[in-house]
Amino acid sequence: MTQAEAQEAVSSNTCRYLTKGRDYVAPVGFTAMEDLRFGAQGIDEWVQLDGGNAYVLNSYFWATIDEDGSTQLHIRFDTLLCE
C-alpha cells in the first residue's frame, strides 16, 4: 500500500495504524536480491507480530558495513490493520 492509499484508508476508517516508523535492519545476504528477500521476510514477521495485515514502506537504503564494501538493507515502514 502506498502512503497516499494508507492515508485514504485511515481517513475512511477502513484501516488504522498500529505502528508508525518502525526501523528494520535486514540480515546481510550474499546478493542484493537476497537482502530484499530477507527484508520482505522481516516486514512480514513484524506485521504479524504487531497484529496487522498491511504495511506502508516509507524508505529504504543500503548502508556500507565494512571496509570490503559489504552492505546491509535498512527499511522504515508502518504497520496497519485494515478491514
N, C-alpha and C. Protein backbone atom coordinates (compact mmCIF):
# COMPACT_ATOMS: atom_id res chain seq x y z
N MET A 1 0.85 -1.16 0.00
CA MET A 1 0.00 0.00 0.00
C MET A 1 0.90 1.23 0.00
N THR A 2 0.53 2.23 -0.78
CA THR A 2 1.31 3.47 -0.81
C THR A 2 0.90 4.35 0.37
N GLN A 3 1.68 5.38 0.63
CA GLN A 3 1.35 6.29 1.72
C GLN A 3 0.04 7.00 1.46
N ALA A 4 -0.22 7.38 0.21
CA ALA A 4 -1.48 8.05 -0.13
C ALA A 4 -2.66 7.11 0.08
N GLU A 5 -2.51 5.85 -0.32
CA GLU A 5 -3.58 4.87 -0.11
C GLU A 5 -3.82 4.63 1.37
N ALA A 6 -2.75 4.58 2.14
CA ALA A 6 -2.89 4.38 3.58
C ALA A 6 -3.62 5.54 4.23
N GLN A 7 -3.26 6.77 3.85
CA GLN A 7 -3.93 7.95 4.40
C GLN A 7 -5.42 7.94 4.06
N GLU A 8 -5.74 7.57 2.84
CA GLU A 8 -7.14 7.48 2.42
C GLU A 8 -7.88 6.42 3.22
N ALA A 9 -7.26 5.26 3.41
CA ALA A 9 -7.88 4.17 4.17
C ALA A 9 -8.08 4.55 5.63
N VAL A 10 -7.12 5.25 6.21
CA VAL A 10 -7.24 5.69 7.60
C VAL A 10 -8.33 6.75 7.71
N SER A 11 -8.37 7.67 6.75
CA SER A 11 -9.38 8.73 6.76
C SER A 11 -10.80 8.17 6.64
N SER A 12 -10.94 7.09 5.89
CA SER A 12 -12.26 6.49 5.69
C SER A 12 -12.55 5.41 6.74
N ASN A 13 -11.69 5.30 7.75
CA ASN A 13 -11.84 4.32 8.84
C ASN A 13 -11.82 2.88 8.36
N THR A 14 -11.18 2.62 7.22
CA THR A 14 -11.01 1.26 6.73
C THR A 14 -9.79 0.61 7.37
N CYS A 15 -8.80 1.43 7.71
CA CYS A 15 -7.56 0.95 8.33
C CYS A 15 -7.20 1.86 9.49
N ARG A 16 -6.36 1.32 10.37
CA ARG A 16 -5.77 2.15 11.43
C ARG A 16 -4.32 1.74 11.61
N TYR A 17 -3.51 2.74 11.94
CA TYR A 17 -2.09 2.48 12.17
C TYR A 17 -1.91 1.75 13.50
N LEU A 18 -1.08 0.73 13.48
CA LEU A 18 -0.69 0.04 14.71
C LEU A 18 0.69 0.48 15.16
N THR A 19 1.59 0.64 14.21
CA THR A 19 2.97 1.07 14.49
C THR A 19 3.41 1.99 13.36
N LYS A 20 3.96 3.14 13.71
CA LYS A 20 4.47 4.06 12.70
C LYS A 20 5.98 4.19 12.86
N GLY A 21 6.66 4.21 11.72
CA GLY A 21 8.10 4.48 11.70
C GLY A 21 8.98 3.38 12.26
N ARG A 22 8.59 2.12 12.06
CA ARG A 22 9.43 1.02 12.53
C ARG A 22 10.68 0.94 11.65
N ASP A 23 11.84 0.84 12.30
CA ASP A 23 13.11 0.66 11.59
C ASP A 23 13.49 -0.82 11.67
N TYR A 24 13.79 -1.40 10.53
CA TYR A 24 14.19 -2.80 10.47
C TYR A 24 15.49 -2.90 9.68
N VAL A 25 16.45 -3.62 10.24
CA VAL A 25 17.72 -3.86 9.56
C VAL A 25 17.75 -5.34 9.19
N ALA A 26 17.72 -5.62 7.90
CA ALA A 26 17.67 -6.99 7.41
C ALA A 26 19.03 -7.68 7.59
N PRO A 27 19.01 -8.98 7.80
CA PRO A 27 20.27 -9.72 7.83
C PRO A 27 21.03 -9.55 6.51
N VAL A 28 22.32 -9.60 6.58
CA VAL A 28 23.15 -9.44 5.39
C VAL A 28 23.04 -10.68 4.50
N GLY A 29 22.74 -10.45 3.22
CA GLY A 29 22.70 -11.53 2.25
C GLY A 29 23.94 -11.49 1.38
N PHE A 30 24.12 -12.51 0.56
CA PHE A 30 25.26 -12.53 -0.35
C PHE A 30 25.03 -11.68 -1.59
N THR A 31 23.76 -11.40 -1.90
CA THR A 31 23.42 -10.57 -3.06
C THR A 31 22.35 -9.56 -2.65
N ALA A 32 22.15 -8.55 -3.49
CA ALA A 32 21.10 -7.57 -3.23
C ALA A 32 19.73 -8.23 -3.23
N MET A 33 19.52 -9.22 -4.11
CA MET A 33 18.25 -9.93 -4.16
C MET A 33 17.99 -10.66 -2.85
N GLU A 34 19.02 -11.25 -2.29
CA GLU A 34 18.89 -11.93 -1.00
C GLU A 34 18.58 -10.93 0.11
N ASP A 35 19.21 -9.74 0.06
CA ASP A 35 18.90 -8.68 1.02
C ASP A 35 17.41 -8.33 0.95
N LEU A 36 16.89 -8.19 -0.26
CA LEU A 36 15.48 -7.85 -0.44
C LEU A 36 14.57 -8.95 0.11
N ARG A 37 14.93 -10.20 -0.14
CA ARG A 37 14.12 -11.31 0.37
C ARG A 37 14.12 -11.30 1.89
N PHE A 38 15.29 -11.10 2.50
CA PHE A 38 15.37 -11.03 3.96
C PHE A 38 14.57 -9.84 4.50
N GLY A 39 14.62 -8.73 3.79
CA GLY A 39 13.86 -7.55 4.20
C GLY A 39 12.36 -7.81 4.15
N ALA A 40 11.90 -8.44 3.09
CA ALA A 40 10.47 -8.76 2.95
C ALA A 40 10.02 -9.72 4.04
N GLN A 41 10.85 -10.72 4.33
CA GLN A 41 10.51 -11.66 5.40
C GLN A 41 10.42 -10.95 6.75
N GLY A 42 11.33 -10.03 6.99
CA GLY A 42 11.32 -9.27 8.24
C GLY A 42 10.09 -8.41 8.38
N ILE A 43 9.70 -7.73 7.29
CA ILE A 43 8.49 -6.92 7.32
C ILE A 43 7.28 -7.81 7.61
N ASP A 44 7.17 -8.93 6.90
CA ASP A 44 6.05 -9.86 7.13
C ASP A 44 5.98 -10.30 8.59
N GLU A 45 7.12 -10.63 9.18
CA GLU A 45 7.15 -11.07 10.57
C GLU A 45 6.71 -9.97 11.52
N TRP A 46 7.17 -8.73 11.29
CA TRP A 46 6.78 -7.62 12.16
C TRP A 46 5.31 -7.29 12.02
N VAL A 47 4.79 -7.32 10.81
CA VAL A 47 3.36 -7.04 10.61
C VAL A 47 2.53 -8.07 11.37
N GLN A 48 2.93 -9.33 11.29
CA GLN A 48 2.22 -10.38 12.00
C GLN A 48 2.34 -10.19 13.53
N LEU A 49 3.53 -9.90 14.01
CA LEU A 49 3.72 -9.68 15.45
C LEU A 49 2.92 -8.48 15.96
N ASP A 50 2.80 -7.45 15.13
CA ASP A 50 2.02 -6.26 15.51
C ASP A 50 0.52 -6.53 15.49
N GLY A 51 0.11 -7.64 14.87
CA GLY A 51 -1.31 -7.94 14.75
C GLY A 51 -1.96 -7.26 13.57
N GLY A 52 -1.16 -6.85 12.60
CA GLY A 52 -1.68 -6.15 11.43
C GLY A 52 -1.81 -7.06 10.23
N ASN A 53 -2.25 -6.44 9.12
CA ASN A 53 -2.39 -7.18 7.88
C ASN A 53 -1.98 -6.36 6.67
N ALA A 54 -1.37 -5.20 6.92
CA ALA A 54 -0.91 -4.34 5.82
C ALA A 54 0.26 -3.50 6.32
N TYR A 55 1.03 -2.96 5.37
CA TYR A 55 2.13 -2.08 5.75
C TYR A 55 2.34 -1.04 4.66
N VAL A 56 3.02 0.04 5.06
CA VAL A 56 3.41 1.10 4.13
C VAL A 56 4.93 1.20 4.21
N LEU A 57 5.59 1.05 3.08
CA LEU A 57 7.04 1.21 3.01
C LEU A 57 7.36 2.70 2.92
N ASN A 58 8.03 3.22 3.93
CA ASN A 58 8.35 4.66 3.95
C ASN A 58 9.68 4.96 3.28
N SER A 59 10.70 4.15 3.58
CA SER A 59 12.01 4.38 2.98
C SER A 59 12.88 3.14 3.16
N TYR A 60 13.94 3.10 2.37
CA TYR A 60 14.92 2.03 2.48
C TYR A 60 16.25 2.52 1.93
N PHE A 61 17.32 1.92 2.42
CA PHE A 61 18.65 2.22 1.89
C PHE A 61 19.60 1.11 2.27
N TRP A 62 20.67 0.99 1.52
CA TRP A 62 21.73 0.05 1.83
C TRP A 62 22.86 0.84 2.48
N ALA A 63 23.31 0.39 3.65
CA ALA A 63 24.41 1.03 4.36
C ALA A 63 25.65 0.15 4.22
N THR A 64 26.78 0.77 3.98
CA THR A 64 28.05 0.04 3.93
C THR A 64 28.44 -0.31 5.36
N ILE A 65 28.77 -1.58 5.59
CA ILE A 65 29.01 -2.03 6.96
C ILE A 65 30.46 -2.45 7.24
N ASP A 66 31.29 -2.52 6.20
CA ASP A 66 32.69 -2.87 6.45
C ASP A 66 33.57 -2.28 5.36
N GLU A 67 34.87 -2.42 5.54
CA GLU A 67 35.82 -1.84 4.58
C GLU A 67 35.87 -2.60 3.25
N ASP A 68 35.26 -3.78 3.19
CA ASP A 68 35.19 -4.54 1.94
C ASP A 68 34.04 -4.09 1.04
N GLY A 69 33.20 -3.19 1.57
CA GLY A 69 32.08 -2.69 0.79
C GLY A 69 30.79 -3.49 0.96
N SER A 70 30.75 -4.40 1.92
CA SER A 70 29.52 -5.15 2.18
C SER A 70 28.42 -4.19 2.62
N THR A 71 27.19 -4.48 2.23
CA THR A 71 26.09 -3.60 2.57
C THR A 71 24.99 -4.35 3.32
N GLN A 72 24.16 -3.57 4.00
CA GLN A 72 23.04 -4.13 4.74
C GLN A 72 21.82 -3.24 4.48
N LEU A 73 20.68 -3.87 4.26
CA LEU A 73 19.44 -3.17 3.93
C LEU A 73 18.76 -2.67 5.20
N HIS A 74 18.44 -1.37 5.20
CA HIS A 74 17.70 -0.73 6.28
C HIS A 74 16.34 -0.31 5.72
N ILE A 75 15.27 -0.62 6.46
CA ILE A 75 13.91 -0.36 6.00
C ILE A 75 13.13 0.37 7.08
N ARG A 76 12.33 1.36 6.69
CA ARG A 76 11.41 2.04 7.60
C ARG A 76 10.00 1.85 7.06
N PHE A 77 9.09 1.37 7.92
CA PHE A 77 7.73 1.10 7.47
C PHE A 77 6.73 1.28 8.60
N ASP A 78 5.45 1.40 8.24
CA ASP A 78 4.34 1.50 9.17
C ASP A 78 3.50 0.23 9.05
N THR A 79 2.94 -0.23 10.17
CA THR A 79 2.06 -1.39 10.19
C THR A 79 0.62 -0.90 10.37
N LEU A 80 -0.29 -1.49 9.60
CA LEU A 80 -1.69 -1.14 9.69
C LEU A 80 -2.56 -2.36 9.89
N LEU A 81 -3.75 -2.14 10.42
CA LEU A 81 -4.77 -3.17 10.50
C LEU A 81 -5.93 -2.66 9.68
N CYS A 82 -6.29 -3.40 8.63
CA CYS A 82 -7.36 -3.00 7.72
C CYS A 82 -8.49 -4.02 7.76
N GLU A 83 -9.69 -3.52 7.51
CA GLU A 83 -10.86 -4.40 7.48
C GLU A 83 -10.85 -5.30 6.28
